[in-house]
């Protein structure tokens, strides 16, 4: 079965957000999960997985608190 990138990002985002419930990481995992949800929305229009990974990293780093 081939993975749909949008489905992958949605599942990854949900798992990261749920991980925050069990492993308190000062909202780091939660913000990474929200970034995955953002990339899931972008992946509908942008089919390049390498660029999606880059966008996820940029969103995750950009969303951390100072």
N, C-alpha and C. Protein backbone atom coordinates (compact mmCIF):
# COMPACT_ATOMS: atom_id res chain seq x y z
N UNK A 1 0.84 -1.18 0.00
CA UNK A 1 0.00 0.00 0.00
C UNK A 1 0.88 1.25 0.00
N UNK A 2 0.61 2.14 -0.88
CA UNK A 2 1.35 3.39 -0.94
C UNK A 2 0.74 4.39 0.04
N UNK A 3 1.61 5.09 0.73
CA UNK A 3 1.15 6.10 1.68
C UNK A 3 0.82 7.38 0.96
N UNK A 4 -0.31 7.92 1.27
CA UNK A 4 -0.69 9.24 0.80
C UNK A 4 0.01 10.25 1.71
N UNK A 5 0.76 11.21 1.17
CA UNK A 5 1.48 12.15 2.04
C UNK A 5 0.56 12.92 2.99
N UNK A 6 -0.63 13.27 2.54
CA UNK A 6 -1.55 14.00 3.40
C UNK A 6 -1.97 13.14 4.59
N UNK A 7 -2.26 11.88 4.33
CA UNK A 7 -2.63 10.96 5.41
C UNK A 7 -1.47 10.77 6.37
N UNK A 8 -0.26 10.67 5.85
CA UNK A 8 0.92 10.54 6.70
C UNK A 8 1.06 11.73 7.63
N UNK A 9 0.91 12.95 7.11
CA UNK A 9 1.06 14.14 7.93
C UNK A 9 -0.05 14.25 8.96
N UNK A 10 -1.27 13.84 8.60
CA UNK A 10 -2.37 13.89 9.56
C UNK A 10 -2.16 12.91 10.71
N UNK A 11 -1.72 11.69 10.38
CA UNK A 11 -1.46 10.70 11.42
C UNK A 11 -0.28 11.13 12.29
N UNK A 12 0.77 11.64 11.66
CA UNK A 12 1.94 12.11 12.42
C UNK A 12 1.56 13.25 13.35
N UNK A 13 0.76 14.19 12.86
CA UNK A 13 0.33 15.31 13.69
C UNK A 13 -0.51 14.85 14.87
N UNK A 14 -1.41 13.90 14.62
CA UNK A 14 -2.24 13.39 15.71
C UNK A 14 -1.40 12.66 16.76
N UNK A 15 -0.44 11.85 16.30
CA UNK A 15 0.42 11.13 17.24
C UNK A 15 1.29 12.07 18.07
N UNK A 16 1.81 13.10 17.43
CA UNK A 16 2.63 14.06 18.17
C UNK A 16 1.81 14.85 19.19
N UNK A 17 0.60 15.23 18.81
CA UNK A 17 -0.25 15.95 19.76
C UNK A 17 -0.67 15.04 20.91
N UNK A 18 -0.95 13.77 20.62
CA UNK A 18 -1.29 12.83 21.68
C UNK A 18 -0.11 12.52 22.58
N UNK A 19 1.09 12.53 22.01
CA UNK A 19 2.29 12.28 22.81
C UNK A 19 2.46 13.34 23.88
N UNK A 20 1.99 14.54 23.60
CA UNK A 20 2.10 15.62 24.58
C UNK A 20 1.26 15.32 25.83
N UNK A 21 0.19 14.55 25.68
CA UNK A 21 -0.63 14.19 26.83
C UNK A 21 0.10 13.26 27.79
N UNK A 22 0.90 12.36 27.25
CA UNK A 22 1.54 11.35 28.06
C UNK A 22 2.99 11.69 28.42
N UNK A 23 3.66 12.45 27.59
CA UNK A 23 5.04 12.84 27.83
C UNK A 23 5.13 14.37 27.82
N UNK A 24 5.04 15.00 28.95
CA UNK A 24 5.08 16.47 28.97
C UNK A 24 6.42 17.00 28.46
N UNK A 25 6.37 17.67 27.32
CA UNK A 25 7.59 18.17 26.70
C UNK A 25 7.54 19.69 26.53
N UNK A 26 6.81 20.37 27.39
CA UNK A 26 6.68 21.83 27.33
C UNK A 26 6.14 22.29 25.98
N UNK A 27 5.17 21.55 25.46
CA UNK A 27 4.46 21.84 24.22
C UNK A 27 5.32 21.72 22.97
N UNK A 28 6.49 21.10 23.06
CA UNK A 28 7.33 20.92 21.87
C UNK A 28 6.67 19.93 20.92
N UNK A 29 6.26 18.77 21.44
CA UNK A 29 5.61 17.77 20.59
C UNK A 29 4.29 18.30 20.05
N UNK A 30 3.57 19.06 20.85
CA UNK A 30 2.30 19.63 20.40
C UNK A 30 2.50 20.58 19.23
N UNK A 31 3.50 21.44 19.33
CA UNK A 31 3.75 22.38 18.24
C UNK A 31 4.25 21.66 16.98
N UNK A 32 5.02 20.60 17.16
CA UNK A 32 5.45 19.81 16.01
C UNK A 32 4.24 19.13 15.37
N UNK A 33 3.27 18.72 16.18
CA UNK A 33 2.04 18.13 15.66
C UNK A 33 1.21 19.14 14.89
N UNK A 34 1.11 20.35 15.43
CA UNK A 34 0.39 21.40 14.71
C UNK A 34 1.08 21.74 13.40
N UNK A 35 2.40 21.72 13.40
CA UNK A 35 3.15 21.95 12.16
C UNK A 35 2.86 20.86 11.15
N UNK A 36 2.72 19.63 11.62
CA UNK A 36 2.38 18.52 10.72
C UNK A 36 0.99 18.72 10.12
N UNK A 37 0.05 19.25 10.90
CA UNK A 37 -1.28 19.54 10.37
C UNK A 37 -1.23 20.63 9.29
N UNK A 38 -0.39 21.63 9.51
CA UNK A 38 -0.22 22.69 8.51
C UNK A 38 0.35 22.11 7.21
N UNK A 39 1.35 21.25 7.34
CA UNK A 39 1.96 20.63 6.17
C UNK A 39 0.97 19.68 5.48
N UNK A 40 0.09 19.05 6.26
CA UNK A 40 -0.94 18.19 5.65
C UNK A 40 -1.84 19.01 4.74
N UNK A 41 -2.19 20.20 5.17
CA UNK A 41 -3.02 21.07 4.33
C UNK A 41 -2.25 21.52 3.09
N UNK A 42 -0.98 21.84 3.28
CA UNK A 42 -0.16 22.28 2.14
C UNK A 42 0.10 21.14 1.17
N UNK A 43 0.18 19.90 1.68
CA UNK A 43 0.50 18.76 0.82
C UNK A 43 -0.59 18.46 -0.20
N UNK A 44 -1.77 19.00 0.01
CA UNK A 44 -2.83 18.82 -0.98
C UNK A 44 -2.50 19.54 -2.29
N UNK A 45 -1.76 20.63 -2.19
CA UNK A 45 -1.40 21.40 -3.38
C UNK A 45 0.05 21.22 -3.78
N UNK A 46 0.87 20.73 -2.87
CA UNK A 46 2.31 20.62 -3.11
C UNK A 46 2.74 19.16 -2.97
N UNK A 47 2.91 18.44 -4.07
CA UNK A 47 3.13 16.99 -3.99
C UNK A 47 4.57 16.56 -3.70
N UNK A 48 5.49 17.47 -3.51
CA UNK A 48 6.90 17.12 -3.34
C UNK A 48 7.21 16.82 -1.88
N UNK A 49 7.51 15.56 -1.59
CA UNK A 49 7.70 15.13 -0.20
C UNK A 49 8.92 15.80 0.43
N UNK A 50 9.99 15.96 -0.33
CA UNK A 50 11.18 16.61 0.23
C UNK A 50 10.88 18.04 0.66
N UNK A 51 10.10 18.74 -0.12
CA UNK A 51 9.72 20.11 0.23
C UNK A 51 8.77 20.12 1.42
N UNK A 52 7.92 19.11 1.52
CA UNK A 52 7.01 19.01 2.67
C UNK A 52 7.79 18.81 3.96
N UNK A 53 8.81 17.97 3.91
CA UNK A 53 9.64 17.75 5.10
C UNK A 53 10.35 19.04 5.49
N UNK A 54 10.86 19.75 4.50
CA UNK A 54 11.53 21.03 4.77
C UNK A 54 10.55 22.03 5.39
N UNK A 55 9.33 22.10 4.85
CA UNK A 55 8.33 23.01 5.41
C UNK A 55 7.95 22.63 6.83
N UNK A 56 7.88 21.32 7.10
CA UNK A 56 7.57 20.88 8.46
C UNK A 56 8.67 21.30 9.42
N UNK A 57 9.92 21.16 9.01
CA UNK A 57 11.03 21.58 9.87
C UNK A 57 11.00 23.08 10.10
N UNK A 58 10.73 23.85 9.07
CA UNK A 58 10.69 25.31 9.20
C UNK A 58 9.53 25.71 10.12
N UNK A 59 8.37 25.11 9.91
CA UNK A 59 7.21 25.42 10.77
C UNK A 59 7.47 25.01 12.22
N UNK A 60 8.10 23.88 12.43
CA UNK A 60 8.36 23.41 13.79
C UNK A 60 9.35 24.32 14.50
N UNK A 61 10.38 24.72 13.84
CA UNK A 61 11.38 25.61 14.45
C UNK A 61 10.78 27.01 14.63
N UNK A 62 9.99 27.45 13.66
CA UNK A 62 9.39 28.78 13.75
C UNK A 62 8.31 28.90 14.80
N UNK A 63 7.72 27.78 15.20
CA UNK A 63 6.62 27.83 16.16
C UNK A 63 7.09 27.66 17.61
N UNK A 64 8.37 27.43 17.82
CA UNK A 64 8.81 27.25 19.21
C UNK A 64 8.84 28.60 19.91
N UNK A 65 8.60 28.57 21.19
CA UNK A 65 8.54 29.83 21.96
C UNK A 65 9.97 30.28 22.30
N UNK A 66 10.17 31.58 22.37
CA UNK A 66 11.52 32.11 22.64
C UNK A 66 11.98 31.87 24.06
